């Protein structure tokens, strides 16, 4: 009896501790994420810095569009708006505000993989939103592979951005997870045979031999994907936009937006407040992802900040060169996964991120956390030691040695660590509580502010012509839940077409998933408890 009572007390204590953690997290999710913090951790992607990293255009008093955020979303919105207006000979003024250096948020800190979730969540999407919507979402994600290449070619940054096709390998070290994944693949192949035609399932021995994995790998699922240098891609485009539209595009780095004020009797437009002055504008575009609810209080607990961790590592001397043409996702436990790409030049660094299961409190510590000045030590230790475990010691071999400057290595910065791990850093993701991005016009109930009257919007020419683009308002593209490289660019492009009032001309209905649109009904339905239940399960 005494033992039973002791076990009961232990179980009760564990339950109460979990309950306190859960309640604390719920409270944290309703707090403001604040502004991005100064002195963020050093991302390997961002060195050497771009020439426009600290570019600061003079702040105009008025702009047709103000884009808050200079990552991949904001850059996509800006490029589409500027190119379309230029092509149609519409004079426009666009300001992009960035709290820190250019592209210093999630885009400059991610894994560089363009590896869309396909079979992984297709069945769930079909269950929750119907098969047609699920299939449109899958095709939308896949479209990013060719869209990012097309943009890189048009901007003449294909080599600079390191865009490349790779084979995506989902490697499993857990039999139950692998069997469930194979069931998902069968459903995916049945419903989307064309999109699934490149999927290949390998059992244990074939997986180990083909992909040079450790002997305890139970199997893998391979398909096509891409990889890119996200920082060079975005900063390369921003640099081109500054040159191409010198009179129309104003990039203001280290200029945080501290407040968005709605129209008033004395000011008919939105007022954007920054430490360097104010801007009047009919259109505010929120492209700040994990930080979006700082300026959009009703979006708190709808898009949740999450602090993830990344590393750059020297490959083992025996690691086969075929890894350069592959990207990996490693599944070793039911909680989380690790993801890997390899750079094609220099020391061919392995860019490894993940470690969700090592965050502490089942990952709860990372949720609501916007401190990207440091990395999680538990996650860092995991990332630093796990690669020989995934590939096997025999495939890893002796540790890689730093190249000498005389061997042609550019930017062999002495600040990088000299061992296997060159750099560890963190970055803030935006997790949508319903796991779908939020894209579109923000209703007043969601922005928390009234909209300017349509008569306040600038006009193209004659007094009786329609206003430029859509009626004034606030707009958003955010909440990619760690999959920004296969959602953000086309979300930004779609948002720009909405802003221009050209949805029909751009055929958005054919390629943009409506399930990502912002609506009051969706906003009311999306609750953090649903996301937390998924984490608990």
Protein backbone atom coordinates (compact mmCIF):
# COMPACT_ATOMS: atom_id res chain seq x y z
CA UNK A 1 0.00 0.00 0.00
CA UNK A 2 2.80 2.41 0.90
CA UNK A 3 4.43 1.81 -2.47
CA UNK A 4 1.14 2.42 -4.27
CA UNK A 5 0.63 5.69 -2.38
CA UNK A 6 4.18 6.77 -3.22
CA UNK A 7 3.58 6.03 -6.90
CA UNK A 8 0.33 8.00 -6.75
CA UNK A 9 2.12 10.99 -5.24
CA UNK A 10 4.83 10.78 -7.91
CA UNK A 11 2.21 10.61 -10.67
CA UNK A 12 0.28 13.52 -9.14
CA UNK A 13 3.45 15.59 -8.80
CA UNK A 14 4.35 14.86 -12.43
CA UNK A 15 0.83 15.79 -13.56
CA UNK A 16 0.84 19.05 -11.58
CA UNK A 17 4.28 19.92 -12.91
CA UNK A 18 3.10 19.30 -16.47
CA UNK A 19 -0.04 21.34 -15.80
CA UNK A 20 2.01 24.26 -14.47
CA UNK A 21 4.28 24.07 -17.52
CA UNK A 22 1.26 23.98 -19.81
CA UNK A 23 -0.43 26.94 -18.11
CA UNK A 24 2.81 28.93 -18.09
CA UNK A 25 3.21 28.31 -21.79
CA UNK A 26 -0.35 29.38 -22.57
CA UNK A 27 0.26 32.65 -20.74
CA UNK A 28 3.55 33.20 -22.56
CA UNK A 29 1.91 32.74 -25.94
CA UNK A 30 -0.37 35.71 -25.25
CA UNK A 31 2.54 38.06 -24.53
CA UNK A 32 4.05 40.39 -27.12
CA UNK A 33 7.14 38.96 -28.83
CA UNK A 34 8.63 42.45 -28.70
CA UNK A 35 11.05 43.78 -31.30
CA UNK A 36 13.96 41.69 -32.59
CA UNK A 37 16.79 41.87 -30.05
CA UNK A 38 20.15 43.51 -30.68
CA UNK A 39 23.29 41.40 -31.05
CA UNK A 40 21.70 38.19 -32.33
CA UNK A 41 23.76 35.00 -32.47
CA UNK A 42 26.18 34.81 -35.40
CA UNK A 43 24.57 32.98 -38.33
CA UNK A 44 27.07 31.28 -40.64
CA UNK A 45 24.93 32.23 -43.64
CA UNK A 46 25.37 35.94 -42.97
CA UNK A 47 29.16 36.10 -43.28
CA UNK A 48 30.64 37.91 -44.99
CA UNK A 49 27.79 40.44 -44.70
CA UNK A 50 26.09 41.65 -47.86
CA UNK A 51 27.00 45.12 -49.09
CA UNK A 52 23.40 46.19 -48.36
CA UNK A 53 23.28 44.61 -44.88
CA UNK A 54 23.11 48.03 -43.20
CA UNK A 55 21.72 50.03 -46.09
CA UNK A 56 19.59 52.91 -44.91
CA UNK A 57 17.65 54.98 -47.43
CA UNK A 58 16.32 58.38 -46.38
CA UNK A 59 12.93 57.86 -44.76
CA UNK A 60 10.19 59.48 -46.89
CA UNK A 61 7.15 61.04 -45.27
CA UNK A 62 4.79 59.08 -47.52
CA UNK A 63 4.86 55.69 -49.27
CA UNK A 64 2.27 53.81 -51.30
CA UNK A 65 3.35 50.62 -49.56
CA UNK A 66 5.26 49.99 -46.34
CA UNK A 67 6.68 46.49 -45.99
CA UNK A 68 7.79 45.57 -42.46
CA UNK A 69 10.45 42.87 -42.65
CA UNK A 70 13.29 42.22 -45.11
CA UNK A 71 13.31 38.42 -45.30
CA UNK A 72 12.10 36.22 -48.13
CA UNK A 73 8.44 37.22 -47.69
CA UNK A 74 9.02 40.97 -47.69
CA UNK A 75 11.44 40.67 -50.61
CA UNK A 76 8.91 38.71 -52.65
CA UNK A 77 6.19 41.29 -51.96
CA UNK A 78 8.49 44.20 -52.81
CA UNK A 79 9.85 42.65 -56.02
CA UNK A 80 6.40 41.76 -57.33
CA UNK A 81 4.93 45.19 -56.54
CA UNK A 82 7.85 47.13 -57.98
CA UNK A 83 8.15 45.03 -61.13
CA UNK A 84 4.41 45.11 -61.83
CA UNK A 85 4.10 48.86 -61.25
CA UNK A 86 7.14 49.53 -63.43
CA UNK A 87 5.79 47.35 -66.24
CA UNK A 88 2.49 49.24 -66.17
CA UNK A 89 4.20 52.63 -65.84
CA UNK A 90 2.63 53.31 -62.46
CA UNK A 91 4.73 55.60 -60.30
CA UNK A 92 4.96 54.09 -56.85
CA UNK A 93 6.96 54.49 -53.67
CA UNK A 94 7.72 51.45 -51.50
CA UNK A 95 9.48 51.51 -48.12
CA UNK A 96 10.89 48.39 -46.48
CA UNK A 97 11.60 48.63 -42.75
CA UNK A 98 13.95 46.23 -40.97
CA UNK A 99 14.60 46.31 -37.21
CA UNK A 100 18.15 44.94 -37.59
CA UNK A 101 20.42 44.28 -40.56
CA UNK A 102 18.88 43.17 -43.84
CA UNK A 103 17.66 39.57 -43.86
CA UNK A 104 18.72 39.00 -40.25
CA UNK A 105 15.59 37.13 -39.17
CA UNK A 106 14.49 33.57 -39.90
CA UNK A 107 15.49 33.65 -43.59
CA UNK A 108 19.10 34.44 -42.72
CA UNK A 109 19.13 31.73 -40.04
CA UNK A 110 17.35 28.72 -41.54
CA UNK A 111 18.51 25.40 -43.00
CA UNK A 112 18.65 26.34 -46.68
CA UNK A 113 16.58 23.35 -47.76
CA UNK A 114 13.72 23.61 -50.27
CA UNK A 115 12.22 20.31 -49.23
CA UNK A 116 8.42 20.57 -49.10
CA UNK A 117 6.28 18.43 -46.81
CA UNK A 118 4.38 16.22 -49.25
CA UNK A 119 3.24 12.78 -48.15
CA UNK A 120 4.04 13.85 -44.60
CA UNK A 121 0.82 15.78 -43.97
CA UNK A 122 -1.24 15.20 -47.11
CA UNK A 123 -3.72 12.87 -45.38
CA UNK A 124 -4.18 15.36 -42.53
CA UNK A 125 -4.75 18.23 -44.96
CA UNK A 126 -7.26 16.14 -46.91
CA UNK A 127 -9.10 15.20 -43.72
CA UNK A 128 -9.29 18.75 -42.40
CA UNK A 129 -9.81 20.70 -45.64
CA UNK A 130 -10.84 18.21 -48.32
CA UNK A 131 -8.77 16.51 -51.02
CA UNK A 132 -8.94 19.36 -53.60
CA UNK A 133 -7.55 21.90 -51.11
CA UNK A 134 -4.92 19.45 -49.89
CA UNK A 135 -3.77 18.77 -53.45
CA UNK A 136 -3.58 22.49 -54.24
CA UNK A 137 -1.44 22.99 -51.12
CA UNK A 138 0.94 20.21 -52.21
CA UNK A 139 1.31 21.71 -55.69
CA UNK A 140 1.82 25.18 -54.18
CA UNK A 141 4.71 23.86 -52.10
CA UNK A 142 6.24 21.99 -55.03
CA UNK A 143 6.02 25.09 -57.22
CA UNK A 144 8.64 26.80 -55.06
CA UNK A 145 11.37 24.53 -56.44
CA UNK A 146 11.10 25.99 -59.93
CA UNK A 147 9.89 29.44 -58.87
CA UNK A 148 13.00 30.14 -56.78
CA UNK A 149 15.24 28.97 -59.61
CA UNK A 150 13.35 31.14 -62.11
CA UNK A 151 13.73 34.20 -59.89
CA UNK A 152 17.44 33.50 -59.30
CA UNK A 153 17.97 33.26 -63.06
CA UNK A 154 16.03 36.46 -63.77
CA UNK A 155 18.03 38.31 -61.12
CA UNK A 156 21.36 36.81 -62.35
CA UNK A 157 22.12 35.39 -58.91
CA UNK A 158 21.88 31.67 -59.68
CA UNK A 159 25.53 31.06 -58.81
CA UNK A 160 25.59 33.52 -55.92
CA UNK A 161 22.48 32.01 -54.35
CA UNK A 162 23.79 28.44 -54.79
CA UNK A 163 20.41 27.20 -55.97
CA UNK A 164 20.65 23.51 -56.83
CA UNK A 165 18.52 20.44 -57.27
CA UNK A 166 19.10 17.72 -54.70
CA UNK A 167 17.68 14.37 -53.74
CA UNK A 168 15.67 14.66 -50.53
CA UNK A 169 16.14 11.69 -48.22
CA UNK A 170 13.92 11.04 -45.22
CA UNK A 171 16.03 8.64 -43.14
CA UNK A 172 14.31 6.66 -40.39
CA UNK A 173 15.89 5.10 -37.30
CA UNK A 174 12.57 4.11 -35.73
CA UNK A 175 10.61 1.18 -37.18
CA UNK A 176 7.18 2.40 -36.11
CA UNK A 177 7.74 5.83 -37.65
CA UNK A 178 8.94 4.26 -40.90
CA UNK A 179 5.91 1.98 -41.19
CA UNK A 180 3.55 4.92 -40.62
CA UNK A 181 5.45 6.96 -43.21
CA UNK A 182 5.08 4.20 -45.80
CA UNK A 183 1.33 4.17 -45.23
CA UNK A 184 1.26 7.93 -45.85
CA UNK A 185 3.25 7.49 -49.06
CA UNK A 186 0.71 4.97 -50.37
CA UNK A 187 -2.15 7.43 -49.80
CA UNK A 188 -0.12 10.21 -51.42
CA UNK A 189 0.71 8.04 -54.46
CA UNK A 190 -2.94 7.05 -54.84
CA UNK A 191 -4.28 10.61 -54.83
CA UNK A 192 -1.39 12.44 -56.52
CA UNK A 193 0.28 9.90 -58.83
CA UNK A 194 2.09 12.50 -60.96
CA UNK A 195 3.52 14.44 -58.02
CA UNK A 196 4.45 11.19 -56.27
CA UNK A 197 6.11 9.60 -59.29
CA UNK A 198 9.61 10.44 -58.05
CA UNK A 199 9.10 9.01 -54.57
CA UNK A 200 11.15 5.95 -53.75
CA UNK A 201 10.92 3.76 -50.65
CA UNK A 202 14.07 1.90 -49.57
CA UNK A 203 14.16 -0.74 -46.87
CA UNK A 204 16.98 -1.05 -44.35
CA UNK A 205 19.84 -2.68 -46.28
CA UNK A 206 19.24 -0.73 -49.48
CA UNK A 207 18.93 2.53 -47.53
CA UNK A 208 22.19 1.92 -45.65
CA UNK A 209 24.10 1.06 -48.83
CA UNK A 210 22.62 3.67 -51.15
CA UNK A 211 22.68 6.65 -48.82
CA UNK A 212 25.67 5.73 -46.66
CA UNK A 213 23.67 5.65 -43.45
CA UNK A 214 24.44 4.00 -40.13
CA UNK A 215 23.62 0.30 -39.91
CA UNK A 216 20.65 0.87 -37.59
CA UNK A 217 18.73 2.89 -40.22
CA UNK A 218 15.48 1.00 -40.82
CA UNK A 219 14.68 2.60 -44.16
CA UNK A 220 14.25 5.82 -46.08
CA UNK A 221 11.93 7.63 -48.47
CA UNK A 222 13.55 9.67 -51.25
CA UNK A 223 12.20 12.31 -53.64
CA UNK A 224 13.25 15.46 -55.47
CA UNK A 225 13.96 18.76 -53.70
CA UNK A 226 16.21 21.80 -53.78
CA UNK A 227 18.70 23.72 -51.68
CA UNK A 228 19.78 27.36 -51.62
CA UNK A 229 21.83 29.95 -49.76
CA UNK A 230 18.83 31.87 -48.36
CA UNK A 231 20.75 34.96 -47.27
CA UNK A 232 22.54 35.44 -50.62
CA UNK A 233 19.28 34.85 -52.48
CA UNK A 234 17.39 37.55 -50.59
CA UNK A 235 20.17 40.13 -50.27
CA UNK A 236 21.06 39.63 -53.93
CA UNK A 237 17.50 40.51 -54.93
CA UNK A 238 17.30 43.47 -52.55
CA UNK A 239 20.56 44.82 -53.96
CA UNK A 240 19.16 44.55 -57.49
CA UNK A 241 15.93 46.27 -56.49
CA UNK A 242 17.87 49.18 -55.01
CA UNK A 243 19.70 49.58 -58.32
CA UNK A 244 16.72 48.95 -60.56
CA UNK A 245 14.30 51.21 -58.70
CA UNK A 246 16.53 53.83 -57.11
CA UNK A 247 13.70 56.40 -57.08
CA UNK A 248 10.97 54.01 -55.93
CA UNK A 249 12.44 51.59 -53.38
CA UNK A 250 13.63 52.65 -49.93
CA UNK A 251 15.32 50.00 -47.77
CA UNK A 252 15.71 51.19 -44.20
CA UNK A 253 17.67 48.74 -42.05
CA UNK A 254 18.10 49.15 -38.29
CA UNK A 255 14.83 51.06 -38.43
CA UNK A 256 12.22 49.17 -36.41
CA UNK A 257 8.55 49.92 -36.74
CA UNK A 258 7.52 50.66 -33.17
CA UNK A 259 3.87 51.48 -33.79
CA UNK A 260 1.18 51.35 -36.46
CA UNK A 261 -1.60 53.89 -35.90
CA UNK A 262 -4.93 53.80 -37.69
CA UNK A 263 -6.48 56.77 -39.46
CA UNK A 264 -7.72 59.72 -37.45
CA UNK A 265 -9.59 62.95 -38.11
CA UNK A 266 -6.29 64.71 -38.80
CA UNK A 267 -4.48 61.85 -40.57
CA UNK A 268 -6.57 59.84 -43.06
CA UNK A 269 -3.92 57.13 -43.64
CA UNK A 270 -1.92 54.77 -41.44
CA UNK A 271 0.96 56.31 -39.52
CA UNK A 272 4.08 54.19 -39.22
CA UNK A 273 6.28 55.25 -36.31
CA UNK A 274 10.03 54.54 -36.27
CA UNK A 275 12.95 56.00 -34.28
CA UNK A 276 13.91 57.91 -37.44
CA UNK A 277 10.54 59.48 -38.15
CA UNK A 278 7.02 58.65 -39.30
CA UNK A 279 5.55 57.55 -42.62
CA UNK A 280 2.02 57.94 -43.93
CA UNK A 281 0.75 55.06 -46.05
CA UNK A 282 -2.50 53.45 -47.24
CA UNK A 283 -1.01 49.93 -47.14
CA UNK A 284 0.90 48.19 -44.34
CA UNK A 285 2.39 44.77 -45.12
CA UNK A 286 3.42 42.65 -42.14
CA UNK A 287 6.23 40.30 -43.21
CA UNK A 288 7.76 39.68 -39.79
CA UNK A 289 6.62 36.09 -39.23
CA UNK A 290 7.39 35.13 -35.60
CA UNK A 291 7.34 38.80 -34.53
CA UNK A 292 4.12 39.74 -36.33
CA UNK A 293 1.97 39.89 -33.19
CA UNK A 294 4.10 42.68 -31.71
CA UNK A 295 2.27 45.10 -34.00
CA UNK A 296 -0.82 42.89 -34.41
CA UNK A 297 -1.99 42.15 -30.88
CA UNK A 298 -5.01 40.07 -32.01
CA UNK A 299 -2.57 37.67 -33.73
CA UNK A 300 -0.99 36.69 -30.41
CA UNK A 301 -1.48 32.97 -29.80
CA UNK A 302 -2.33 32.64 -33.51
CA UNK A 303 1.23 32.88 -34.87
CA UNK A 304 3.56 31.72 -32.11
CA UNK A 305 7.29 32.55 -31.98
CA UNK A 306 9.53 29.51 -31.72
CA UNK A 307 13.29 29.68 -31.22
CA UNK A 308 15.03 27.04 -33.36
CA UNK A 309 18.70 26.12 -33.58
CA UNK A 310 21.15 25.65 -36.45
CA UNK A 311 24.78 24.69 -36.94
CA UNK A 312 27.52 24.67 -39.58
CA UNK A 313 29.87 21.69 -39.34
CA UNK A 314 32.92 20.33 -41.12
CA UNK A 315 32.21 16.94 -42.71
CA UNK A 316 34.11 13.85 -41.61
CA UNK A 317 36.99 12.96 -43.91
CA UNK A 318 35.35 9.70 -45.08
CA UNK A 319 31.90 11.13 -45.73
CA UNK A 320 31.03 10.31 -49.37
CA UNK A 321 30.81 13.31 -51.73
CA UNK A 322 27.29 12.24 -52.76
CA UNK A 323 25.90 14.05 -49.70
CA UNK A 324 26.49 17.34 -51.56
CA UNK A 325 23.71 16.39 -53.96
CA UNK A 326 21.31 15.40 -51.21
CA UNK A 327 19.40 16.87 -48.33
CA UNK A 328 18.39 14.77 -45.35
CA UNK A 329 15.72 14.72 -42.69
CA UNK A 330 16.57 12.32 -39.88
CA UNK A 331 13.74 10.74 -37.88
CA UNK A 332 15.05 9.00 -34.76
CA UNK A 333 12.17 9.53 -32.32
CA UNK A 334 8.48 10.48 -32.39
CA UNK A 335 9.33 14.00 -31.17
CA UNK A 336 10.93 16.25 -33.76
CA UNK A 337 13.57 15.60 -36.40
CA UNK A 338 16.92 16.92 -37.61
CA UNK A 339 17.54 18.32 -41.10
CA UNK A 340 20.70 18.64 -43.17
CA UNK A 341 22.01 20.23 -46.35
CA UNK A 342 25.61 20.56 -47.51
CA UNK A 343 27.22 23.59 -49.11
CA UNK A 344 28.73 22.97 -52.56
CA UNK A 345 31.95 24.94 -52.07
CA UNK A 346 34.50 26.10 -49.49
CA UNK A 347 34.78 23.55 -46.70
CA UNK A 348 31.50 22.03 -47.91
CA UNK A 349 29.95 22.73 -44.55
CA UNK A 350 27.13 20.53 -43.30
CA UNK A 351 24.22 22.79 -42.32
CA UNK A 352 22.41 20.86 -39.59
CA UNK A 353 19.40 22.04 -37.62
CA UNK A 354 16.69 20.60 -35.41
CA UNK A 355 17.02 19.10 -31.95
CA UNK A 356 13.42 19.83 -31.01
CA UNK A 357 13.29 16.88 -28.62
CA UNK A 358 16.34 18.23 -26.79
CA UNK A 359 14.85 21.69 -26.16
CA UNK A 360 13.59 20.82 -22.68
CA UNK A 361 10.03 20.28 -21.42
CA UNK A 362 9.16 18.50 -24.69
CA UNK A 363 9.99 21.59 -26.71
CA UNK A 364 7.82 23.96 -24.68
CA UNK A 365 10.84 26.11 -23.73
CA UNK A 366 11.29 27.15 -27.36
CA UNK A 367 7.68 28.22 -27.83
CA UNK A 368 7.04 31.90 -27.25
CA UNK A 369 10.80 32.46 -27.08
CA UNK A 370 12.22 35.25 -29.28
CA UNK A 371 15.72 35.41 -27.82
CA UNK A 372 17.94 34.56 -30.78
CA UNK A 373 21.04 35.98 -29.08
CA UNK A 374 22.01 32.52 -27.80
CA UNK A 375 21.48 28.93 -28.86
CA UNK A 376 20.00 26.24 -26.64
CA UNK A 377 22.92 24.41 -25.01
CA UNK A 378 21.15 21.04 -24.93
CA UNK A 379 20.29 21.32 -28.60
CA UNK A 380 23.80 22.51 -29.40
CA UNK A 381 25.29 19.45 -27.72
CA UNK A 382 22.92 17.20 -29.67
CA UNK A 383 23.66 18.81 -33.03
CA UNK A 384 27.40 18.77 -32.36
CA UNK A 385 27.50 15.03 -31.79
CA UNK A 386 24.75 13.39 -33.80
CA UNK A 387 26.03 13.32 -37.40
CA UNK A 388 28.44 10.36 -37.00
CA UNK A 389 25.52 8.60 -35.33
CA UNK A 390 23.28 9.14 -38.37
CA UNK A 391 25.89 8.28 -41.01
CA UNK A 392 27.84 5.72 -39.01
CA UNK A 393 31.40 6.06 -37.76
CA UNK A 394 32.72 4.06 -40.72
CA UNK A 395 31.18 6.55 -43.18
CA UNK A 396 32.21 9.58 -41.13
CA UNK A 397 35.87 8.77 -40.54
CA UNK A 398 38.39 11.16 -39.02
CA UNK A 399 37.28 14.69 -38.21
CA UNK A 400 37.58 17.28 -40.95
CA UNK A 401 40.35 19.84 -40.61
CA UNK A 402 40.04 23.59 -41.27
CA UNK A 403 41.32 24.64 -44.67
CA UNK A 404 44.21 27.04 -44.78
CA UNK A 405 43.63 30.42 -46.44
CA UNK A 406 46.18 29.45 -49.10
CA UNK A 407 43.89 26.61 -50.18
CA UNK A 408 41.40 29.08 -51.56
CA UNK A 409 38.95 29.26 -48.68
CA UNK A 410 37.30 32.68 -48.69
CA UNK A 411 36.11 34.14 -45.45
CA UNK A 412 37.82 31.55 -43.23
CA UNK A 413 36.94 33.80 -40.36
CA UNK A 414 39.06 33.08 -37.26
CA UNK A 415 35.92 33.69 -35.19
CA UNK A 416 34.52 30.34 -36.33
CA UNK A 417 35.30 27.37 -34.10
CA UNK A 418 38.17 25.20 -35.31
CA UNK A 419 36.65 21.80 -34.50
CA UNK A 420 33.85 19.83 -36.14
CA UNK A 421 31.30 22.52 -35.32
CA UNK A 422 32.16 25.85 -36.91
CA UNK A 423 29.12 27.78 -35.71
CA UNK A 424 25.96 27.41 -33.63
CA UNK A 425 23.15 29.94 -33.75
CA UNK A 426 19.42 30.34 -33.25
CA UNK A 427 16.53 31.90 -35.13
CA UNK A 428 12.89 32.73 -34.52
CA UNK A 429 10.26 30.84 -36.51
CA UNK A 430 6.57 31.63 -36.70
CA UNK A 431 4.39 28.63 -35.84
CA UNK A 432 0.76 28.90 -36.93
CA UNK A 433 -1.51 27.33 -34.35
CA UNK A 434 -3.57 25.71 -37.12
CA UNK A 435 -0.36 24.84 -39.02
CA UNK A 436 -1.37 26.87 -42.09
CA UNK A 437 0.27 30.15 -43.16
CA UNK A 438 -1.76 33.34 -42.78
CA UNK A 439 -1.88 35.25 -46.07
CA UNK A 440 -4.06 38.15 -47.17
CA UNK A 441 -5.86 41.27 -46.05
CA UNK A 442 -6.31 41.62 -42.30
CA UNK A 443 -9.89 42.37 -41.25
CA UNK A 444 -10.11 45.21 -38.74
CA UNK A 445 -11.02 42.67 -36.06
CA UNK A 446 -7.70 40.92 -36.66
CA UNK A 447 -5.49 43.98 -37.13
CA UNK A 448 -7.07 45.77 -34.18
CA UNK A 449 -7.27 49.01 -36.18
CA UNK A 450 -9.78 50.69 -38.48
CA UNK A 451 -8.96 51.01 -42.18
CA UNK A 452 -8.52 54.27 -44.10
CA UNK A 453 -11.40 55.22 -46.37
CA UNK A 454 -11.04 54.22 -50.01
CA UNK A 455 -11.07 57.92 -50.93
CA UNK A 456 -7.77 58.24 -49.08
CA UNK A 457 -6.03 55.84 -51.47
CA UNK A 458 -3.74 57.35 -54.13
CA UNK A 459 -5.08 57.46 -57.69
CA UNK A 460 -3.33 56.50 -60.89
CA UNK A 461 -4.14 59.61 -62.86
CA UNK A 462 -7.47 61.24 -63.59
CA UNK A 463 -9.71 62.09 -60.69
CA UNK A 464 -12.44 59.67 -61.76
CA UNK A 465 -10.13 56.67 -62.14
CA UNK A 466 -10.06 53.82 -59.64
CA UNK A 467 -7.57 54.00 -56.78
CA UNK A 468 -4.22 52.28 -57.19
CA UNK A 469 -4.67 48.65 -56.27
CA UNK A 470 -6.92 47.28 -53.57
CA UNK A 471 -8.65 49.49 -50.98
CA UNK A 472 -6.33 50.64 -48.16
CA UNK A 473 -5.62 48.17 -45.41
CA UNK A 474 -3.19 45.98 -43.53
CA UNK A 475 -1.85 42.76 -45.00
CA UNK A 476 0.10 39.76 -43.79
CA UNK A 477 2.04 36.71 -44.94
CA UNK A 478 3.39 34.79 -41.95
CA UNK A 479 3.17 31.61 -39.90
CA UNK A 480 5.06 29.13 -42.07
CA UNK A 481 5.69 26.75 -39.14
CA UNK A 482 9.33 26.12 -40.02
CA UNK A 483 8.67 25.59 -43.75
CA UNK A 484 9.24 29.10 -45.05
CA UNK A 485 11.28 28.10 -48.09
CA UNK A 486 8.29 26.25 -49.58
CA UNK A 487 5.59 28.74 -48.58
CA UNK A 488 7.00 32.25 -48.25
CA UNK A 489 8.00 33.33 -51.76
CA UNK A 490 4.74 32.50 -53.50
CA UNK A 491 2.76 33.71 -50.48
CA UNK A 492 4.48 37.07 -50.86
CA UNK A 493 3.84 37.07 -54.59
CA UNK A 494 0.17 36.26 -54.07
CA UNK A 495 -0.11 38.99 -51.45
CA UNK A 496 1.34 41.54 -53.87
CA UNK A 497 -1.24 40.59 -56.50
CA UNK A 498 -3.97 41.05 -53.89
CA UNK A 499 -2.55 44.47 -53.03
CA UNK A 500 -2.66 45.46 -56.69
CA UNK A 501 -6.21 44.21 -57.02
CA UNK A 502 -5.10 41.81 -59.76
CA UNK A 503 -6.18 38.46 -58.34
CA UNK A 504 -8.09 37.51 -61.49
CA UNK A 505 -5.34 38.63 -63.86
CA UNK A 506 -2.76 36.69 -61.84
CA UNK A 507 -5.04 33.60 -61.84
CA UNK A 508 -4.63 33.24 -58.09
CA UNK A 509 -7.58 30.89 -57.90
CA UNK A 510 -5.62 28.37 -59.99
CA UNK A 511 -2.51 28.15 -57.80
CA UNK A 512 -3.00 29.89 -54.45
CA UNK A 513 -4.60 27.75 -51.69
CA UNK A 514 -7.58 29.58 -50.22
CA UNK A 515 -7.15 27.69 -46.95
CA UNK A 516 -4.24 30.05 -46.20
CA UNK A 517 -6.33 33.22 -46.46
CA UNK A 518 -6.97 35.32 -43.38
CA UNK A 519 -10.63 35.38 -42.40
CA UNK A 520 -12.39 36.36 -39.22
CA UNK A 521 -13.88 32.88 -38.97
CA UNK A 522 -10.50 31.19 -39.22
CA UNK A 523 -9.02 33.63 -36.72
CA UNK A 524 -11.76 32.84 -34.19
CA UNK A 525 -11.35 29.10 -34.69
CA UNK A 526 -7.54 28.99 -34.40
CA UNK A 527 -6.64 28.32 -30.78
CA UNK A 528 -3.25 27.55 -29.20
CA UNK A 529 -4.76 24.61 -27.30
CA UNK A 530 -5.04 22.74 -30.60
CA UNK A 531 -1.34 23.17 -31.27
CA UNK A 532 -0.36 22.29 -27.71
CA UNK A 533 -2.47 19.14 -27.88
CA UNK A 534 -0.50 18.09 -30.96
CA UNK A 535 2.76 18.61 -29.09
CA UNK A 536 1.48 16.66 -26.10
CA UNK A 537 0.40 13.77 -28.34
